[in-house]
Amino acid sequence: MATPSALLAAAARDLGYSRWDDPQTGTKFGRWYADLVGNPGYGGNGIAFCAMAASYWYDLVDQGCPGLPESYVPYVYSKARKVAGSVLSNKRNAKPGDVVIFDWNNDGSLNHVGLVELNKGSYLQTIEGNSPAGYVQRHTRGWGTVAYIIRPVWEGEDASAVEDPTVIAVDGLWGHDTTALAQMVYGTEPDGEVWNQNREWRGLCPGLTIGWKWGDGDAALRAGGSPLIRAMQEDYRGLGLYTGEIDGLVGPKFNSAFIRRFKADSGAVDDGRIDRPSISVMAFQRWLMERAA
């Protein structure tokens, strides 16, 4: 029977693997994935293999995992989030055998993937392929670089025992889980991402983290901003808090309305900023869970 221990034992057997010592073209993980998908290109030299290594180790123990098999890190996440409960709402609940996705610069770009070996509370111990390039190594990683944790249903577990998406961490950071729950509450597409935001206002919003997409202001206006933010603007206008355009964009007017909306619960000062962490976002996260309950 597949278990997290069996998975990690399989991965640990590859510790020290070096692409540079591999006598064949490419990597063992790339060659395996090339055969799996029928594309020999993955077996060539110079192909990043962190996601293929994770896929390989899961395959070795005959265990499925949402998002895998895959070769491209962003696709691991985009596929996994379609499986209810597989992307943990609180990443600090990571357990051995989970898949961890990293965002090195906290800019919404998903860069790397590995396996959780141990959750040490203040950091994770991991096994990762292609880290550094060409090697399989064990690492310790702080939470600041962890974007998502993906959990499979192991054999013998109840497939219905997935995380409740209506329970999120009250951490003052507005990332994927907060967005997904807000989209559920406001009835917009629940993809966990806030697209088409104006980069000009990003400096006022350090508390808006994973899943926020920033671009050119004119392009953001033409795209109509985010459906979630439009719905919130309409809500806050109805409450007499928002006087700006219903454009789907965060910025000084939206931020001010947001802070005042949760002032009674947070005590926040209306300075037009959504800080990192934000006590207004904490109040918002509590409100969302109450509404979704």
C-alpha atoms as a PDB file:
ATOM      1  CA  MET A   1       0.000   0.000   0.000  1.00  0.00           C
ATOM      2  CA  ALA A   2       1.351   3.433  -0.947  1.00  0.00           C
ATOM      3  CA  THR A   3       2.227   5.595   2.049  1.00  0.00           C
ATOM      4  CA  PRO A   4       4.009   8.910   2.578  1.00  0.00           C
ATOM      5  CA  SER A   5       6.905   6.974   4.120  1.00  0.00           C
ATOM      6  CA  ALA A   6       7.247   4.800   1.017  1.00  0.00           C
ATOM      7  CA  LEU A   7       7.163   7.878  -1.215  1.00  0.00           C
ATOM      8  CA  LEU A   8       9.857   9.660   0.787  1.00  0.00           C
ATOM      9  CA  ALA A   9      11.989   6.531   0.911  1.00  0.00           C
ATOM     10  CA  ALA A  10      11.818   6.331  -2.888  1.00  0.00           C
ATOM     11  CA  ALA A  11      12.833   9.987  -3.187  1.00  0.00           C
ATOM     12  CA  ALA A  12      15.614   9.590  -0.613  1.00  0.00           C
ATOM     13  CA  ARG A  13      17.192   6.834  -2.699  1.00  0.00           C
ATOM     14  CA  ASP A  14      17.842   9.476  -5.363  1.00  0.00           C
ATOM     15  CA  LEU A  15      19.563  11.933  -2.997  1.00  0.00           C
ATOM     16  CA  GLY A  16      22.901  12.819  -4.516  1.00  0.00           C
ATOM     17  CA  TYR A  17      21.760  12.074  -8.051  1.00  0.00           C
ATOM     18  CA  SER A  18      23.651  14.301 -10.482  1.00  0.00           C
ATOM     19  CA  ARG A  19      22.616  14.937 -14.021  1.00  0.00           C
ATOM     20  CA  TRP A  20      26.306  15.582 -14.715  1.00  0.00           C
ATOM     21  CA  ASP A  21      27.221  12.018 -13.717  1.00  0.00           C
ATOM     22  CA  ASP A  22      24.332  10.444 -15.637  1.00  0.00           C
ATOM     23  CA  PRO A  23      25.893   8.493 -18.518  1.00  0.00           C
ATOM     24  CA  GLN A  24      22.878   9.012 -20.762  1.00  0.00           C
ATOM     25  CA  THR A  25      21.433  12.104 -22.436  1.00  0.00           C
ATOM     26  CA  GLY A  26      19.255  14.260 -20.184  1.00  0.00           C
ATOM     27  CA  THR A  27      18.099  12.982 -16.784  1.00  0.00           C
ATOM     28  CA  LYS A  28      16.517   9.760 -15.575  1.00  0.00           C
ATOM     29  CA  PHE A  29      13.427  11.790 -14.682  1.00  0.00           C
ATOM     30  CA  GLY A  30      13.214  13.472 -18.065  1.00  0.00           C
ATOM     31  CA  ARG A  31      13.665  10.198 -19.926  1.00  0.00           C
ATOM     32  CA  TRP A  32      10.910   8.606 -17.836  1.00  0.00           C
ATOM     33  CA  TYR A  33       8.551  11.528 -18.478  1.00  0.00           C
ATOM     34  CA  ALA A  34       9.388  11.534 -22.196  1.00  0.00           C
ATOM     35  CA  ASP A  35       8.315   7.887 -22.410  1.00  0.00           C
ATOM     36  CA  LEU A  36       5.206   8.595 -20.334  1.00  0.00           C
ATOM     37  CA  VAL A  37       3.911  11.427 -22.544  1.00  0.00           C
ATOM     38  CA  GLY A  38       5.454  10.303 -25.833  1.00  0.00           C
ATOM     39  CA  ASN A  39       7.586  13.419 -26.294  1.00  0.00           C
ATOM     40  CA  PRO A  40      11.334  12.695 -26.550  1.00  0.00           C
ATOM     41  CA  GLY A  41      12.152  16.371 -26.014  1.00  0.00           C
ATOM     42  CA  TYR A  42      11.779  15.975 -22.256  1.00  0.00           C
ATOM     43  CA  GLY A  43      14.651  13.491 -22.282  1.00  0.00           C
ATOM     44  CA  GLY A  44      17.118  16.006 -23.704  1.00  0.00           C
ATOM     45  CA  ASN A  45      19.876  17.963 -22.037  1.00  0.00           C
ATOM     46  CA  GLY A  46      19.128  21.188 -20.191  1.00  0.00           C
ATOM     47  CA  ILE A  47      15.523  20.374 -19.235  1.00  0.00           C
ATOM     48  CA  ALA A  48      14.500  21.446 -15.718  1.00  0.00           C
ATOM     49  CA  PHE A  49      13.253  18.352 -13.928  1.00  0.00           C
ATOM     50  CA  CYS A  50      11.913  19.291 -10.475  1.00  0.00           C
ATOM     51  CA  ALA A  51       8.276  18.591 -11.400  1.00  0.00           C
ATOM     52  CA  MET A  52       9.206  15.491 -13.379  1.00  0.00           C
ATOM     53  CA  ALA A  53      11.156  14.180 -10.370  1.00  0.00           C
ATOM     54  CA  ALA A  54       8.149  14.626  -8.068  1.00  0.00           C
ATOM     55  CA  SER A  55       5.983  12.907 -10.691  1.00  0.00           C
ATOM     56  CA  TYR A  56       8.487  10.053 -10.967  1.00  0.00           C
ATOM     57  CA  TRP A  57       8.602   9.434  -7.205  1.00  0.00           C
ATOM     58  CA  TYR A  58       4.819   9.346  -6.920  1.00  0.00           C
ATOM     59  CA  ASP A  59       4.677   6.956  -9.857  1.00  0.00           C
ATOM     60  CA  LEU A  60       7.265   4.658  -8.252  1.00  0.00           C
ATOM     61  CA  VAL A  61       4.940   3.999  -5.327  1.00  0.00           C
ATOM     62  CA  ASP A  62       1.824   3.867  -7.528  1.00  0.00           C
ATOM     63  CA  GLN A  63       0.228   6.872  -5.828  1.00  0.00           C
ATOM     64  CA  GLY A  64      -1.710   9.590  -7.602  1.00  0.00           C
ATOM     65  CA  CYS A  65      -1.420  13.258  -6.701  1.00  0.00           C
ATOM     66  CA  PRO A  66      -3.468  16.203  -8.000  1.00  0.00           C
ATOM     67  CA  GLY A  67      -1.377  18.174 -10.470  1.00  0.00           C
ATOM     68  CA  LEU A  68       0.940  15.282 -11.299  1.00  0.00           C
ATOM     69  CA  PRO A  69       2.395  13.949 -13.517  1.00  0.00           C
ATOM     70  CA  GLU A  70       3.608  17.236 -14.959  1.00  0.00           C
ATOM     71  CA  SER A  71       6.781  18.936 -16.167  1.00  0.00           C
ATOM     72  CA  TYR A  72       5.880  22.630 -15.712  1.00  0.00           C
ATOM     73  CA  VAL A  73       5.471  23.971 -12.186  1.00  0.00           C
ATOM     74  CA  PRO A  74       2.595  26.441 -12.830  1.00  0.00           C
ATOM     75  CA  TYR A  75       0.624  23.625 -14.455  1.00  0.00           C
ATOM     76  CA  VAL A  76       1.076  21.468 -11.349  1.00  0.00           C
ATOM     77  CA  TYR A  77      -0.786  24.104  -9.362  1.00  0.00           C
ATOM     78  CA  SER A  78      -3.390  24.980 -12.016  1.00  0.00           C
ATOM     79  CA  LYS A  79      -4.344  21.317 -12.369  1.00  0.00           C
ATOM     80  CA  ALA A  80      -4.339  20.622  -8.619  1.00  0.00           C
ATOM     81  CA  ARG A  81      -6.576  23.549  -7.739  1.00  0.00           C
ATOM     82  CA  LYS A  82      -9.350  21.970  -9.838  1.00  0.00           C
ATOM     83  CA  VAL A  83      -9.485  19.079  -7.362  1.00  0.00           C
ATOM     84  CA  ALA A  84     -11.481  20.260  -4.352  1.00  0.00           C
ATOM     85  CA  GLY A  85      -9.490  20.369  -1.135  1.00  0.00           C
ATOM     86  CA  SER A  86      -6.165  19.315  -2.626  1.00  0.00           C
ATOM     87  CA  VAL A  87      -4.514  22.745  -2.274  1.00  0.00           C
ATOM     88  CA  LEU A  88      -4.307  23.344   1.462  1.00  0.00           C
ATOM     89  CA  SER A  89      -5.982  26.481   2.741  1.00  0.00           C
ATOM     90  CA  ASN A  90      -3.277  26.784   5.415  1.00  0.00           C
ATOM     91  CA  LYS A  91       0.125  25.862   4.021  1.00  0.00           C
ATOM     92  CA  ARG A  92       1.566  25.530   7.535  1.00  0.00           C
ATOM     93  CA  ASN A  93      -0.473  22.315   7.880  1.00  0.00           C
ATOM     94  CA  ALA A  94       1.952  20.623   5.479  1.00  0.00           C
ATOM     95  CA  LYS A  95       2.642  16.947   6.189  1.00  0.00           C
ATOM     96  CA  PRO A  96       5.284  14.476   4.980  1.00  0.00           C
ATOM     97  CA  GLY A  97       4.504  13.365   1.448  1.00  0.00           C
ATOM     98  CA  ASP A  98       2.789  16.581   0.408  1.00  0.00           C
ATOM     99  CA  VAL A  99       3.940  18.463  -2.677  1.00  0.00           C
ATOM    100  CA  VAL A 100       5.342  21.929  -1.994  1.00  0.00           C
ATOM    101  CA  ILE A 101       5.388  24.685  -4.625  1.00  0.00           C
ATOM    102  CA  PHE A 102       7.767  27.609  -4.231  1.00  0.00           C
ATOM    103  CA  ASP A 103       7.597  31.246  -5.297  1.00  0.00           C
ATOM    104  CA  TRP A 104      11.132  32.514  -4.714  1.00  0.00           C
ATOM    105  CA  ASN A 105      10.357  36.233  -5.097  1.00  0.00           C
ATOM    106  CA  ASN A 106       6.782  36.257  -3.761  1.00  0.00           C
ATOM    107  CA  ASP A 107       5.671  37.795  -7.051  1.00  0.00           C
ATOM    108  CA  GLY A 108       3.072  35.227  -8.079  1.00  0.00           C
ATOM    109  CA  SER A 109       5.494  33.341 -10.351  1.00  0.00           C
ATOM    110  CA  LEU A 110       5.660  29.681  -9.365  1.00  0.00           C
ATOM    111  CA  ASN A 111       9.266  28.602  -9.747  1.00  0.00           C
ATOM    112  CA  HIS A 112       9.971  25.217  -8.206  1.00  0.00           C
ATOM    113  CA  VAL A 113       8.451  22.095  -6.661  1.00  0.00           C
ATOM    114  CA  GLY A 114       9.545  19.434  -4.194  1.00  0.00           C
ATOM    115  CA  LEU A 115       8.315  16.943  -1.596  1.00  0.00           C
ATOM    116  CA  VAL A 116       7.708  17.764   2.058  1.00  0.00           C
ATOM    117  CA  GLU A 117       9.834  15.433   4.159  1.00  0.00           C
ATOM    118  CA  LEU A 118       9.277  17.067   7.565  1.00  0.00           C
ATOM    119  CA  ASN A 119       7.290  20.005   8.896  1.00  0.00           C
ATOM    120  CA  LYS A 120       9.501  21.496  11.608  1.00  0.00           C
ATOM    121  CA  GLY A 121       7.032  24.229  12.532  1.00  0.00           C
ATOM    122  CA  SER A 122       9.167  27.222  11.629  1.00  0.00           C
ATOM    123  CA  TYR A 123      10.428  25.639   8.392  1.00  0.00           C
ATOM    124  CA  LEU A 124      10.069  22.651   6.082  1.00  0.00           C
ATOM    125  CA  GLN A 125      12.574  19.932   5.291  1.00  0.00           C
ATOM    126  CA  THR A 126      12.214  18.856   1.669  1.00  0.00           C
ATOM    127  CA  ILE A 127      13.558  16.588  -1.027  1.00  0.00           C
ATOM    128  CA  GLU A 128      13.818  18.372  -4.366  1.00  0.00           C
ATOM    129  CA  GLY A 129      14.922  17.569  -7.871  1.00  0.00           C
ATOM    130  CA  ASN A 130      16.977  20.007  -9.933  1.00  0.00           C
ATOM    131  CA  SER A 131      18.029  21.982  -6.861  1.00  0.00           C
ATOM    132  CA  PRO A 132      20.618  23.183  -7.553  1.00  0.00           C
ATOM    133  CA  ALA A 133      20.384  22.612 -11.279  1.00  0.00           C
ATOM    134  CA  GLY A 134      21.140  19.029 -12.139  1.00  0.00           C
ATOM    135  CA  TYR A 135      20.982  17.497  -8.645  1.00  0.00           C
ATOM    136  CA  VAL A 136      18.573  15.854  -6.190  1.00  0.00           C
ATOM    137  CA  GLN A 137      19.124  17.251  -2.711  1.00  0.00           C
ATOM    138  CA  ARG A 138      17.552  17.685   0.708  1.00  0.00           C
ATOM    139  CA  HIS A 139      16.829  21.291   1.780  1.00  0.00           C
ATOM    140  CA  THR A 140      15.334  23.340   4.593  1.00  0.00           C
ATOM    141  CA  ARG A 141      12.936  26.047   3.397  1.00  0.00           C
ATOM    142  CA  GLY A 142      11.351  28.946   5.255  1.00  0.00           C
ATOM    143  CA  TRP A 143       7.644  29.638   4.873  1.00  0.00           C
ATOM    144  CA  GLY A 144       8.278  32.894   3.042  1.00  0.00           C
ATOM    145  CA  THR A 145       9.102  31.032  -0.171  1.00  0.00           C
ATOM    146  CA  VAL A 146       6.274  28.466   0.098  1.00  0.00           C
ATOM    147  CA  ALA A 147       3.388  29.348  -2.199  1.00  0.00           C
ATOM    148  CA  TYR A 148       1.190  26.231  -2.022  1.00  0.00           C
ATOM    149  CA  ILE A 149       0.965  22.808  -0.466  1.00  0.00           C
ATOM    150  CA  ILE A 150      -0.786  20.056  -2.433  1.00  0.00           C
ATOM    151  CA  ARG A 151      -2.040  16.941  -0.678  1.00  0.00           C
ATOM    152  CA  PRO A 152      -3.096  13.675  -2.297  1.00  0.00           C
ATOM    153  CA  VAL A 153      -5.587  11.208  -0.854  1.00  0.00           C
ATOM    154  CA  TRP A 154      -3.540   8.204   0.192  1.00  0.00           C
ATOM    155  CA  GLU A 155      -4.773   4.646  -0.207  1.00  0.00           C
ATOM    156  CA  GLY A 156      -6.939   3.712   2.733  1.00  0.00           C
ATOM    157  CA  GLU A 157      -7.948   7.306   3.441  1.00  0.00           C
ATOM    158  CA  ASP A 158     -11.457   8.615   2.954  1.00  0.00           C
ATOM    159  CA  ALA A 159     -11.474  10.510  -0.330  1.00  0.00           C
ATOM    160  CA  SER A 160     -14.031  12.871   1.143  1.00  0.00           C
ATOM    161  CA  ALA A 161     -11.621  13.858   3.922  1.00  0.00           C
ATOM    162  CA  VAL A 162     -10.298  16.914   2.115  1.00  0.00           C
ATOM    163  CA  GLU A 163      -9.723  20.340   3.562  1.00  0.00           C
ATOM    164  CA  ASP A 164     -12.751  22.526   3.986  1.00  0.00           C
ATOM    165  CA  PRO A 165     -12.256  25.467   1.573  1.00  0.00           C
ATOM    166  CA  THR A 166     -14.363  27.653   3.863  1.00  0.00           C
ATOM    167  CA  VAL A 167     -11.688  27.489   6.586  1.00  0.00           C
ATOM    168  CA  ILE A 168      -8.656  29.669   5.916  1.00  0.00           C
ATOM    169  CA  ALA A 169      -5.733  30.988   7.927  1.00  0.00           C
ATOM    170  CA  VAL A 170      -6.304  34.358   9.601  1.00  0.00           C
ATOM    171  CA  ASP A 171      -2.815  35.630   8.816  1.00  0.00           C
ATOM    172  CA  GLY A 172      -3.415  39.077   7.295  1.00  0.00           C
ATOM    173  CA  LEU A 173      -2.027  38.006   3.925  1.00  0.00           C
ATOM    174  CA  TRP A 174      -4.490  38.083   1.035  1.00  0.00           C
ATOM    175  CA  GLY A 175      -3.372  35.197  -1.121  1.00  0.00           C
ATOM    176  CA  HIS A 176      -4.958  32.357  -3.061  1.00  0.00           C
ATOM    177  CA  ASP A 177      -7.025  30.876  -0.231  1.00  0.00           C
ATOM    178  CA  THR A 178      -8.506  34.245   0.789  1.00  0.00           C
ATOM    179  CA  THR A 179      -9.292  35.080  -2.837  1.00  0.00           C
ATOM    180  CA  ALA A 180     -10.907  31.691  -3.472  1.00  0.00           C
ATOM    181  CA  LEU A 181     -13.155  32.035  -0.437  1.00  0.00           C
ATOM    182  CA  ALA A 182     -14.024  35.647  -1.341  1.00  0.00           C
ATOM    183  CA  GLN A 183     -14.938  34.494  -4.850  1.00  0.00           C
ATOM    184  CA  MET A 184     -17.180  31.845  -3.316  1.00  0.00           C
ATOM    185  CA  VAL A 185     -18.882  34.407  -1.071  1.00  0.00           C
ATOM    186  CA  TYR A 186     -19.310  37.001  -3.848  1.00  0.00           C
ATOM    187  CA  GLY A 187     -20.296  34.480  -6.504  1.00  0.00           C
ATOM    188  CA  THR A 188     -17.521  35.146  -8.997  1.00  0.00           C
ATOM    189  CA  GLU A 189     -15.376  32.550 -10.769  1.00  0.00           C
ATOM    190  CA  PRO A 190     -13.510  30.647  -8.016  1.00  0.00           C
ATOM    191  CA  ASP A 191     -10.014  30.454  -9.502  1.00  0.00           C
ATOM    192  CA  GLY A 192      -8.131  31.911  -6.529  1.00  0.00           C
ATOM    193  CA  GLU A 193      -6.521  34.634  -8.634  1.00  0.00           C
ATOM    194  CA  VAL A 194      -7.045  38.370  -9.044  1.00  0.00           C
ATOM    195  CA  TRP A 195      -6.140  39.363 -12.581  1.00  0.00           C
ATOM    196  CA  ASN A 196      -5.680  42.662 -14.416  1.00  0.00           C
ATOM    197  CA  GLN A 197      -4.477  44.874 -11.587  1.00  0.00           C
ATOM    198  CA  ASN A 198      -2.663  48.176 -12.095  1.00  0.00           C
ATOM    199  CA  ARG A 199       1.026  47.852 -11.216  1.00  0.00           C
ATOM    200  CA  GLU A 200       1.036  51.538 -10.252  1.00  0.00           C
ATOM    201  CA  TRP A 201      -0.793  50.711  -7.008  1.00  0.00           C
ATOM    202  CA  ARG A 202       1.154  47.591  -6.040  1.00  0.00           C
ATOM    203  CA  GLY A 203       3.296  49.562  -3.598  1.00  0.00           C
ATOM    204  CA  LEU A 204       0.170  50.387  -1.577  1.00  0.00           C
ATOM    205  CA  CYS A 205      -0.750  46.724  -1.318  1.00  0.00           C
ATOM    206  CA  PRO A 206       2.120  44.607   0.094  1.00  0.00           C
ATOM    207  CA  GLY A 207      -0.454  42.433   1.891  1.00  0.00           C
ATOM    208  CA  LEU A 208      -1.841  41.206  -1.444  1.00  0.00           C
ATOM    209  CA  THR A 209       0.314  38.180  -2.151  1.00  0.00           C
ATOM    210  CA  ILE A 210       0.025  34.933  -4.112  1.00  0.00           C
ATOM    211  CA  GLY A 211      -2.364  34.949  -7.055  1.00  0.00           C
ATOM    212  CA  TRP A 212      -2.424  38.721  -7.686  1.00  0.00           C
ATOM    213  CA  LYS A 213      -1.548  39.638 -11.274  1.00  0.00           C
ATOM    214  CA  TRP A 214      -0.147  43.099 -11.898  1.00  0.00           C
ATOM    215  CA  GLY A 215       0.249  44.815 -15.259  1.00  0.00           C
ATOM    216  CA  ASP A 216      -0.020  48.044 -17.212  1.00  0.00           C
ATOM    217  CA  GLY A 217      -2.704  50.420 -15.942  1.00  0.00           C
ATOM    218  CA  ASP A 218      -4.316  51.142 -19.307  1.00  0.00           C
ATOM    219  CA  ALA A 219      -4.375  47.441 -20.147  1.00  0.00           C
ATOM    220  CA  ALA A 220      -5.936  46.719 -16.743  1.00  0.00           C
ATOM    221  CA  LEU A 221      -8.685  49.250 -17.403  1.00  0.00           C
ATOM    222  CA  ARG A 222      -9.364  47.829 -20.851  1.00  0.00           C
ATOM    223  CA  ALA A 223      -9.545  44.335 -19.378  1.00  0.00           C
ATOM    224  CA  GLY A 224     -12.098  45.491 -16.813  1.00  0.00           C
ATOM    225  CA  GLY A 225      -9.993  44.564 -13.810  1.00  0.00           C
ATOM    226  CA  SER A 226     -11.077  41.666 -11.611  1.00  0.00           C
ATOM    227  CA  PRO A 227     -14.688  40.430 -11.353  1.00  0.00           C
ATOM    228  CA  LEU A 228     -14.144  39.874  -7.620  1.00  0.00           C
ATOM    229  CA  ILE A 229     -12.926  43.431  -7.022  1.00  0.00           C
ATOM    230  CA  ARG A 230     -15.823  44.810  -9.111  1.00  0.00           C
ATOM    231  CA  ALA A 231     -18.265  42.859  -6.944  1.00  0.00           C
ATOM    232  CA  MET A 232     -16.622  44.199  -3.798  1.00  0.00           C
ATOM    233  CA  GLN A 233     -16.672  47.772  -5.156  1.00  0.00           C
ATOM    234  CA  GLU A 234     -20.394  47.464  -5.823  1.00  0.00           C
ATOM    235  CA  ASP A 235     -20.920  46.069  -2.316  1.00  0.00           C
ATOM    236  CA  TYR A 236     -18.948  48.904  -0.712  1.00  0.00           C
ATOM    237  CA  ARG A 237     -20.728  51.511  -2.830  1.00  0.00           C
ATOM    238  CA  GLY A 238     -24.018  50.175  -1.545  1.00  0.00           C
ATOM    239  CA  LEU A 239     -22.682  50.601   1.990  1.00  0.00           C
ATOM    240  CA  GLY A 240     -21.694  54.202   1.234  1.00  0.00           C
ATOM    241  CA  LEU A 241     -17.998  53.438   1.571  1.00  0.00           C
ATOM    242  CA  TYR A 242     -16.785  53.540  -2.034  1.00  0.00           C
ATOM    243  CA  THR A 243     -17.103  56.519  -4.380  1.00  0.00           C
ATOM    244  CA  GLY A 244     -14.739  55.495  -7.182  1.00  0.00           C
ATOM    245  CA  GLU A 245     -15.353  53.809 -10.521  1.00  0.00           C
ATOM    246  CA  ILE A 246     -16.552  50.218 -10.681  1.00  0.00           C
ATOM    247  CA  ASP A 247     -13.402  49.229 -12.547  1.00  0.00           C
ATOM    248  CA  GLY A 248     -12.265  46.048 -10.771  1.00  0.00           C
ATOM    249  CA  LEU A 249      -8.992  47.634  -9.639  1.00  0.00           C
ATOM    250  CA  VAL A 250      -7.529  47.980  -6.187  1.00  0.00           C
ATOM    251  CA  GLY A 251      -5.981  51.359  -5.399  1.00  0.00           C
ATOM    252  CA  PRO A 252      -6.313  54.251  -2.936  1.00  0.00           C
ATOM    253  CA  LYS A 253     -10.121  54.516  -3.131  1.00  0.00           C
ATOM    254  CA  PHE A 254     -10.753  50.780  -2.954  1.00  0.00           C
ATOM    255  CA  ASN A 255      -8.192  50.328  -0.189  1.00  0.00           C
ATOM    256  CA  SER A 256      -9.766  53.108   1.851  1.00  0.00           C
ATOM    257  CA  ALA A 257     -13.237  51.573   1.476  1.00  0.00           C
ATOM    258  CA  PHE A 258     -11.885  48.139   2.377  1.00  0.00           C
ATOM    259  CA  ILE A 259     -10.189  49.437   5.534  1.00  0.00           C
ATOM    260  CA  ARG A 260     -13.289  51.358   6.626  1.00  0.00           C
ATOM    261  CA  ARG A 261     -15.492  48.312   5.941  1.00  0.00           C
ATOM    262  CA  PHE A 262     -13.573  46.347   8.576  1.00  0.00           C
ATOM    263  CA  LYS A 263     -12.541  49.209  10.865  1.00  0.00           C
ATOM    264  CA  ALA A 264     -14.955  48.183  13.640  1.00  0.00           C
ATOM    265  CA  ASP A 265     -13.444  44.685  13.746  1.00  0.00           C
ATOM    266  CA  SER A 266      -9.805  45.600  13.145  1.00  0.00           C
ATOM    267  CA  GLY A 267      -9.293  49.111  14.506  1.00  0.00           C
ATOM    268  CA  ALA A 268      -7.216  49.875  11.414  1.00  0.00           C
ATOM    269  CA  VAL A 269      -6.330  53.448  10.499  1.00  0.00           C
ATOM    270  CA  ASP A 270      -7.470  54.475   7.024  1.00  0.00           C
ATOM    271  CA  ASP A 271      -4.128  55.244   5.384  1.00  0.00           C
ATOM    272  CA  GLY A 272      -5.029  53.726   2.000  1.00  0.00           C
ATOM    273  CA  ARG A 273      -2.569  50.845   2.464  1.00  0.00           C
ATOM    274  CA  ILE A 274      -3.138  47.118   2.733  1.00  0.00           C
ATOM    275  CA  ASP A 275      -0.063  46.196   4.731  1.00  0.00           C
ATOM    276  CA  ARG A 276       1.800  42.913   5.183  1.00  0.00           C
ATOM    277  CA  PRO A 277       0.330  41.549   7.363  1.00  0.00           C
ATOM    278  CA  SER A 278      -2.864  43.608   7.435  1.00  0.00           C
ATOM    279  CA  ILE A 279      -5.240  43.692  10.390  1.00  0.00           C
ATOM    280  CA  SER A 280      -7.969  44.668   7.911  1.00  0.00           C
ATOM    281  CA  VAL A 281      -7.289  41.517   5.902  1.00  0.00           C
ATOM    282  CA  MET A 282      -7.461  39.497   9.130  1.00  0.00           C
ATOM    283  CA  ALA A 283     -10.916  40.935   9.810  1.00  0.00           C
ATOM    284  CA  PHE A 284     -11.871  40.238   6.172  1.00  0.00           C
ATOM    285  CA  GLN A 285     -10.720  36.621   6.498  1.00  0.00           C
ATOM    286  CA  ARG A 286     -12.828  36.135   9.638  1.00  0.00           C
ATOM    287  CA  TRP A 287     -15.827  37.761   7.920  1.00  0.00           C
ATOM    288  CA  LEU A 288     -15.483  35.510   4.890  1.00  0.00           C
ATOM    289  CA  MET A 289     -15.485  32.373   7.028  1.00  0.00           C
ATOM    290  CA  GLU A 290     -18.562  33.570   8.907  1.00  0.00           C
ATOM    291  CA  ARG A 291     -20.372  34.283   5.634  1.00  0.00           C
ATOM    292  CA  ALA A 292     -19.389  30.946   4.109  1.00  0.00           C
ATOM    293  CA  ALA A 293     -20.308  28.880   7.171  1.00  0.00           C
END
